[in-house]
Amino acid sequence: MTRRNDRAIGRWLLLCAAMVLAMVVIGGITRLTGSGLSIVEWRPILGFLPPLTDADWMRVFELYRATPQYQEVNAGMSLAEFRAIFWWEYIHRLFGRLIGLVFFIPFVWFLVRGRVRPALVPRLVILFLLGGVQGVLGWYMVRSGLVDIPEVSQYRLTAHLSLAFVIYAALVWTGLSLTIPDRPIVVDGKQTTVRRLALATLALISLTILSGAFVAGTDAGLIFNTFPLMDGAILPPGYFDTAAAAFEDHGTIQFHHRVLAILSLLTVLALWWNSRWLALAPRARAVANGLLVVAALQVVLGITTLLLVVPVHAAATHQAGAVVLFTMIIWFVYELGSASPGDN
């Protein structure tokens, strides 16, 4: 009975993880379409309802017309044009609320029915609280673009995306531990070495994703749209000017993302090659192969997005690819194992 309960909870958590993946993609589209600053109010409880009357639409439109984005970027925008960007931000916020409900209601049900192991309860409570913090952090990010400059802070955007990945990683890891707990135990030095390389790969991929958030937050992908050189040069102009350039200069930010992406691919290749000499279970072998394929496709997709000057469809797919790649490396680390079965 306990095993069946664990599997049910694990599948529920993996469903929540899939919804977080979709949320990251929706958030990316919201940013790419310039929709993120279209709703200037934060109403966590009542905000699930969109404008229902013409008067409601005019009220939210007038609020938007007082923002720097309207005045400096979208001056003269019609109400119909405003609705187009409004809906993406509305869907983004609504989907966040939906994730909260899909997590909270089954959690309470499992808890009341006594189907959650006591050791798992604190982790699930923390996950729910982190979801609430993520909502607050999202509004904190939006606020940065409603004051003087018509764009959100790249630092706040990176923090918002980072927390999303932390929540996602916890959901995936816990979901895997409950649905497939029979992972192997580390029994020899070779497997320990490969697992350490896998952890290093996870760290490098995570750093690459964070650098991608800075690219997104500064629109750094809209310049130097050539590869492998940056408009004929290896380094962007002013690369050595200031330490802050790593987080604020568009060319430097893009260069670092390029380098980290290539290093991530090479590290995944090294991990895959070293894992070939382990006696992996068929599922773990499939995850290793999938990781290599996804990493290669993600680099190709990133280069394509850059060369096409960041069209919405390519950029959103690239962002989704980052989550899939992150999933594969987490899964492979899990498959390599480090503890006794059932030690979740």
Protein backbone atom coordinates (compact mmCIF):
# COMPACT_ATOMS: atom_id res chain seq x y z
CA MET A 1 0.00 0.00 0.00
CA THR A 2 2.84 2.40 0.89
CA ARG A 3 4.54 1.69 -2.43
CA ARG A 4 1.34 2.41 -4.33
CA ASN A 5 0.85 5.67 -2.40
CA ASP A 6 4.43 6.71 -3.21
CA ARG A 7 3.88 6.11 -6.90
CA ALA A 8 0.67 8.13 -6.91
CA ILE A 9 2.36 11.02 -5.13
CA GLY A 10 5.36 10.76 -7.44
CA ARG A 11 3.19 10.95 -10.55
CA TRP A 12 1.38 13.96 -9.09
CA LEU A 13 4.69 15.74 -8.43
CA LEU A 14 5.92 14.98 -11.95
CA LEU A 15 2.67 16.44 -13.29
CA CYS A 16 3.37 19.59 -11.28
CA ALA A 17 6.90 19.62 -12.74
CA ALA A 18 5.47 19.40 -16.27
CA MET A 19 3.26 22.37 -15.46
CA VAL A 20 6.29 24.33 -14.23
CA LEU A 21 8.02 23.52 -17.53
CA ALA A 22 5.01 24.89 -19.40
CA MET A 23 5.03 27.93 -17.10
CA VAL A 24 8.66 28.68 -17.98
CA VAL A 25 7.79 28.57 -21.68
CA ILE A 26 4.72 30.78 -21.20
CA GLY A 27 6.88 33.21 -19.23
CA GLY A 28 9.39 33.26 -22.06
CA ILE A 29 6.70 34.03 -24.63
CA THR A 30 5.32 36.73 -22.35
CA ARG A 31 8.73 38.38 -22.25
CA LEU A 32 9.44 37.93 -25.96
CA THR A 33 6.13 39.54 -26.94
CA GLY A 34 6.68 42.49 -24.61
CA SER A 35 3.62 41.52 -22.59
CA GLY A 36 5.09 41.26 -19.11
CA LEU A 37 4.41 44.85 -18.11
CA SER A 38 0.86 45.02 -19.44
CA ILE A 39 -0.78 44.30 -16.07
CA VAL A 40 0.29 46.89 -13.51
CA GLU A 41 -1.67 45.55 -10.55
CA TRP A 42 -0.94 42.57 -8.37
CA ARG A 43 -4.07 41.00 -6.92
CA PRO A 44 -3.21 37.44 -5.85
CA ILE A 45 -6.77 36.54 -4.85
CA LEU A 46 -9.08 38.55 -7.11
CA GLY A 47 -6.74 38.83 -10.07
CA PHE A 48 -7.80 35.50 -11.56
CA LEU A 49 -10.68 37.26 -13.32
CA PRO A 50 -9.86 39.13 -16.55
CA PRO A 51 -11.65 42.36 -17.53
CA LEU A 52 -15.26 41.42 -18.26
CA THR A 53 -16.76 44.70 -19.47
CA ASP A 54 -15.67 47.57 -21.69
CA ALA A 55 -15.33 49.71 -18.57
CA ASP A 56 -13.00 47.11 -17.03
CA TRP A 57 -10.86 47.06 -20.16
CA MET A 58 -10.60 50.83 -20.24
CA ARG A 59 -9.59 50.89 -16.57
CA VAL A 60 -6.68 48.47 -17.01
CA PHE A 61 -5.71 50.17 -20.28
CA GLU A 62 -5.56 53.56 -18.58
CA LEU A 63 -3.34 52.10 -15.88
CA TYR A 64 -1.04 50.74 -18.56
CA ARG A 65 -0.94 54.08 -20.39
CA ALA A 66 0.66 55.61 -17.30
CA THR A 67 3.63 53.22 -17.47
CA PRO A 68 7.04 53.95 -18.98
CA GLN A 69 6.56 51.09 -21.47
CA TYR A 70 3.49 52.68 -23.02
CA GLN A 71 4.92 56.19 -23.00
CA GLU A 72 8.35 55.28 -24.38
CA VAL A 73 7.72 52.14 -26.45
CA ASN A 74 4.02 51.72 -27.25
CA ALA A 75 2.73 55.27 -27.39
CA GLY A 76 -0.45 55.39 -29.46
CA MET A 77 -1.24 51.71 -28.95
CA SER A 78 -4.92 50.94 -29.47
CA LEU A 79 -7.09 49.05 -27.02
CA ALA A 80 -7.16 46.06 -29.38
CA GLU A 81 -3.36 46.02 -29.50
CA PHE A 82 -3.22 46.29 -25.73
CA ARG A 83 -5.50 43.28 -25.36
CA ALA A 84 -3.09 41.19 -27.41
CA ILE A 85 -0.25 41.72 -24.94
CA PHE A 86 -2.55 41.70 -21.91
CA TRP A 87 -3.68 38.14 -22.55
CA TRP A 88 -0.18 36.67 -22.49
CA GLU A 89 0.58 38.21 -19.10
CA TYR A 90 -2.85 37.21 -17.84
CA ILE A 91 -2.34 33.59 -18.96
CA HIS A 92 1.09 33.60 -17.30
CA ARG A 93 -0.35 34.72 -13.97
CA LEU A 94 -3.41 32.49 -14.22
CA PHE A 95 -1.30 29.43 -14.98
CA GLY A 96 0.80 30.19 -11.90
CA ARG A 97 -2.35 30.14 -9.78
CA LEU A 98 -3.42 26.90 -11.45
CA ILE A 99 -0.10 25.26 -10.54
CA GLY A 100 -0.68 26.33 -6.94
CA LEU A 101 -4.11 24.69 -6.92
CA VAL A 102 -2.89 21.51 -8.62
CA PHE A 103 -0.23 21.25 -5.93
CA PHE A 104 -2.25 22.32 -2.88
CA ILE A 105 -5.51 20.40 -3.33
CA PRO A 106 -3.99 16.92 -3.93
CA PHE A 107 -1.44 17.58 -1.16
CA VAL A 108 -4.21 18.22 1.35
CA TRP A 109 -6.11 15.18 0.08
CA PHE A 110 -3.07 12.89 0.36
CA LEU A 111 -2.32 14.33 3.80
CA VAL A 112 -5.84 13.91 5.17
CA ARG A 113 -6.01 10.34 3.86
CA GLY A 114 -2.71 9.54 5.55
CA ARG A 115 -0.98 8.64 2.30
CA VAL A 116 2.08 10.87 2.70
CA ARG A 117 5.03 9.45 4.59
CA PRO A 118 5.87 11.76 7.55
CA ALA A 119 9.42 12.29 6.31
CA LEU A 120 8.07 13.70 3.04
CA VAL A 121 5.67 16.25 4.55
CA PRO A 122 8.24 18.99 5.34
CA ARG A 123 9.62 18.83 1.80
CA LEU A 124 6.16 19.23 0.28
CA VAL A 125 5.30 22.11 2.62
CA ILE A 126 8.53 23.89 1.65
CA LEU A 127 7.74 23.36 -2.03
CA PHE A 128 4.33 24.94 -1.58
CA LEU A 129 5.82 27.91 0.28
CA LEU A 130 8.45 28.34 -2.44
CA GLY A 131 5.63 28.53 -4.96
CA GLY A 132 4.18 31.45 -3.02
CA VAL A 133 7.58 33.14 -2.83
CA GLN A 134 7.88 32.70 -6.59
CA GLY A 135 4.66 34.64 -7.10
CA VAL A 136 5.92 37.49 -4.91
CA LEU A 137 9.28 37.46 -6.69
CA GLY A 138 7.50 37.61 -10.05
CA TRP A 139 5.67 40.76 -9.00
CA TYR A 140 8.91 42.20 -7.60
CA MET A 141 10.42 41.64 -11.04
CA VAL A 142 7.51 43.30 -12.84
CA ARG A 143 7.66 46.30 -10.50
CA SER A 144 11.19 47.05 -11.70
CA GLY A 145 9.80 47.86 -15.15
CA LEU A 146 6.96 50.07 -14.01
CA VAL A 147 8.97 52.88 -12.43
CA ASP A 148 11.46 54.66 -14.70
CA ILE A 149 12.78 52.25 -17.33
CA PRO A 150 10.34 50.26 -19.52
CA GLU A 151 12.04 46.92 -18.93
CA VAL A 152 12.45 44.59 -15.99
CA SER A 153 15.74 44.26 -14.13
CA GLN A 154 17.87 41.43 -15.52
CA TYR A 155 18.90 40.63 -11.96
CA ARG A 156 15.31 40.19 -10.81
CA LEU A 157 14.43 38.21 -13.93
CA THR A 158 17.37 35.87 -13.29
CA ALA A 159 16.32 35.44 -9.66
CA HIS A 160 12.75 34.68 -10.77
CA LEU A 161 13.88 32.08 -13.31
CA SER A 162 16.41 30.59 -10.88
CA LEU A 163 13.73 29.95 -8.27
CA ALA A 164 11.54 28.35 -10.94
CA PHE A 165 14.37 25.92 -11.72
CA VAL A 166 14.95 25.21 -8.01
CA ILE A 167 11.27 24.34 -7.59
CA TYR A 168 11.33 22.30 -10.79
CA ALA A 169 14.44 20.36 -9.74
CA ALA A 170 12.89 19.51 -6.36
CA LEU A 171 9.67 18.33 -8.01
CA VAL A 172 11.51 16.17 -10.55
CA TRP A 173 13.94 14.66 -8.04
CA THR A 174 11.23 13.88 -5.50
CA GLY A 175 8.92 12.56 -8.21
CA LEU A 176 11.62 10.25 -9.52
CA SER A 177 12.50 9.01 -6.04
CA LEU A 178 8.87 8.02 -5.45
CA THR A 179 8.11 6.48 -8.84
CA ILE A 180 11.41 4.70 -9.58
CA PRO A 181 13.17 4.23 -6.22
CA ASP A 182 15.12 1.16 -7.33
CA ARG A 183 18.12 3.15 -8.51
CA PRO A 184 21.54 1.48 -8.32
CA ILE A 185 23.95 1.95 -5.43
CA VAL A 186 27.41 3.39 -6.04
CA VAL A 187 29.66 0.38 -5.63
CA ASP A 188 32.92 1.23 -7.38
CA GLY A 189 35.30 4.07 -8.00
CA LYS A 190 34.43 4.38 -11.69
CA GLN A 191 30.75 4.98 -11.02
CA THR A 192 31.64 7.47 -8.28
CA THR A 193 33.87 9.35 -10.72
CA VAL A 194 31.16 9.43 -13.38
CA ARG A 195 28.63 10.65 -10.85
CA ARG A 196 30.94 13.48 -9.82
CA LEU A 197 31.32 14.40 -13.48
CA ALA A 198 27.53 14.32 -13.80
CA LEU A 199 27.18 16.69 -10.83
CA ALA A 200 29.75 19.02 -12.41
CA THR A 201 27.77 18.84 -15.67
CA LEU A 202 24.59 19.72 -13.77
CA ALA A 203 26.34 22.74 -12.24
CA LEU A 204 27.64 23.89 -15.64
CA ILE A 205 24.26 23.50 -17.34
CA SER A 206 22.65 25.43 -14.48
CA LEU A 207 25.20 28.22 -14.89
CA THR A 208 24.52 28.29 -18.63
CA ILE A 209 20.79 28.63 -17.98
CA LEU A 210 21.45 31.52 -15.58
CA SER A 211 23.60 33.23 -18.20
CA GLY A 212 20.72 32.73 -20.64
CA ALA A 213 18.46 34.58 -18.22
CA PHE A 214 20.81 37.57 -18.41
CA VAL A 215 20.73 37.32 -22.21
CA ALA A 216 16.92 37.40 -22.06
CA GLY A 217 16.80 40.18 -19.48
CA THR A 218 19.02 42.49 -21.52
CA ASP A 219 17.89 41.43 -25.04
CA ALA A 220 21.53 40.58 -25.68
CA GLY A 221 20.52 38.12 -28.39
CA LEU A 222 19.50 40.96 -30.69
CA ILE A 223 23.12 41.91 -31.43
CA PHE A 224 26.12 40.02 -32.82
CA ASN A 225 23.86 37.73 -34.82
CA THR A 226 26.70 35.73 -36.34
CA PHE A 227 28.39 32.50 -35.32
CA PRO A 228 31.02 31.37 -34.39
CA LEU A 229 32.57 34.86 -34.48
CA MET A 230 30.84 37.92 -33.08
CA ASP A 231 30.63 40.16 -36.14
CA GLY A 232 34.09 39.02 -37.20
CA ALA A 233 35.75 39.10 -33.77
CA ILE A 234 36.29 36.49 -31.07
CA LEU A 235 35.60 38.88 -28.20
CA PRO A 236 32.97 41.63 -28.14
CA PRO A 237 34.12 45.27 -27.91
CA GLY A 238 34.87 46.43 -24.37
CA TYR A 239 35.14 42.92 -22.99
CA PHE A 240 37.78 43.88 -20.44
CA ASP A 241 36.35 47.31 -19.56
CA THR A 242 34.59 46.69 -16.21
CA ALA A 243 33.71 43.81 -13.91
CA ALA A 244 30.03 44.75 -14.19
CA ALA A 245 30.15 44.06 -17.93
CA ALA A 246 29.54 40.38 -17.22
CA PHE A 247 26.03 41.28 -16.07
CA GLU A 248 25.28 44.51 -17.91
CA ASP A 249 27.18 44.75 -21.21
CA HIS A 250 25.13 43.03 -23.90
CA GLY A 251 28.06 41.73 -25.92
CA THR A 252 29.84 40.35 -22.87
CA ILE A 253 26.67 38.67 -21.62
CA GLN A 254 26.11 37.00 -24.98
CA PHE A 255 29.75 35.92 -25.25
CA HIS A 256 29.65 34.23 -21.85
CA HIS A 257 26.45 32.42 -22.76
CA ARG A 258 28.04 31.16 -25.98
CA VAL A 259 31.12 29.88 -24.15
CA LEU A 260 29.14 28.24 -21.38
CA ALA A 261 26.83 26.55 -23.89
CA ILE A 262 29.74 25.03 -25.82
CA LEU A 263 31.46 23.96 -22.59
CA SER A 264 28.20 22.35 -21.44
CA LEU A 265 27.96 20.37 -24.67
CA LEU A 266 31.59 19.21 -24.39
CA THR A 267 31.08 18.23 -20.76
CA VAL A 268 27.94 16.28 -21.62
CA LEU A 269 29.91 14.51 -24.35
CA ALA A 270 32.66 13.64 -21.84
CA LEU A 271 30.05 12.41 -19.38
CA TRP A 272 28.37 10.28 -22.02
CA TRP A 273 31.68 8.81 -23.15
CA ASN A 274 32.76 7.91 -19.61
CA SER A 275 29.36 6.42 -18.84
CA ARG A 276 29.80 4.00 -21.77
CA TRP A 277 32.14 1.95 -19.60
CA LEU A 278 29.63 1.53 -16.78
CA ALA A 279 27.25 -1.40 -16.55
CA LEU A 280 24.20 0.85 -16.60
CA ALA A 281 20.64 -0.41 -16.54
CA PRO A 282 18.81 -0.02 -19.88
CA ARG A 283 16.77 2.91 -18.56
CA ALA A 284 19.88 4.74 -17.32
CA ARG A 285 21.62 4.08 -20.64
CA ALA A 286 18.63 5.55 -22.49
CA VAL A 287 18.75 8.64 -20.26
CA ALA A 288 22.48 9.08 -20.99
CA ASN A 289 21.88 8.83 -24.73
CA GLY A 290 18.94 11.20 -24.52
CA LEU A 291 21.02 13.70 -22.57
CA LEU A 292 23.64 13.83 -25.32
CA VAL A 293 21.03 14.24 -28.06
CA VAL A 294 19.16 16.99 -26.21
CA ALA A 295 22.40 18.86 -25.44
CA ALA A 296 23.42 18.83 -29.11
CA LEU A 297 19.97 19.92 -30.27
CA GLN A 298 19.90 22.70 -27.69
CA VAL A 299 23.17 24.18 -28.96
CA VAL A 300 21.95 23.98 -32.56
CA LEU A 301 18.69 25.61 -31.56
CA GLY A 302 20.51 28.36 -29.68
CA ILE A 303 22.69 29.16 -32.69
CA THR A 304 19.64 29.13 -34.97
CA THR A 305 17.78 31.50 -32.64
CA LEU A 306 20.74 33.86 -32.67
CA LEU A 307 21.19 33.81 -36.46
CA LEU A 308 17.46 34.45 -36.99
CA VAL A 309 17.62 37.42 -34.57
CA VAL A 310 15.49 35.83 -31.85
CA PRO A 311 12.07 35.10 -33.38
CA VAL A 312 9.48 34.25 -30.75
CA HIS A 313 8.92 30.65 -31.86
CA ALA A 314 12.63 29.77 -31.93
CA ALA A 315 13.45 31.56 -28.68
CA ALA A 316 10.53 29.96 -26.83
CA THR A 317 11.57 26.52 -28.11
CA HIS A 318 15.14 27.20 -27.01
CA GLN A 319 13.89 28.07 -23.53
CA ALA A 320 11.84 24.88 -23.42
CA GLY A 321 14.94 22.99 -24.56
CA ALA A 322 16.86 24.37 -21.60
CA VAL A 323 14.30 22.89 -19.21
CA VAL A 324 14.37 19.54 -21.03
CA LEU A 325 18.18 19.48 -20.88
CA PHE A 326 18.06 20.35 -17.18
CA THR A 327 15.59 17.51 -16.68
CA MET A 328 17.81 14.99 -18.45
CA ILE A 329 20.91 15.79 -16.41
CA ILE A 330 18.95 15.64 -13.14
CA TRP A 331 17.48 12.31 -14.20
CA PHE A 332 20.90 10.93 -15.12
CA VAL A 333 22.42 12.04 -11.80
CA TYR A 334 19.53 10.28 -10.11
CA GLU A 335 20.01 7.10 -12.14
CA LEU A 336 23.69 6.92 -11.18
CA GLY A 337 22.61 6.65 -7.54
CA SER A 338 24.41 7.35 -4.32
CA ALA A 339 22.29 5.81 -1.61
CA SER A 340 20.42 2.69 -0.66
CA PRO A 341 17.08 2.03 -2.36
CA GLY A 342 14.25 3.81 -0.61
CA ASP A 343 16.59 6.50 0.74
CA ASN A 344 14.69 9.47 -0.75
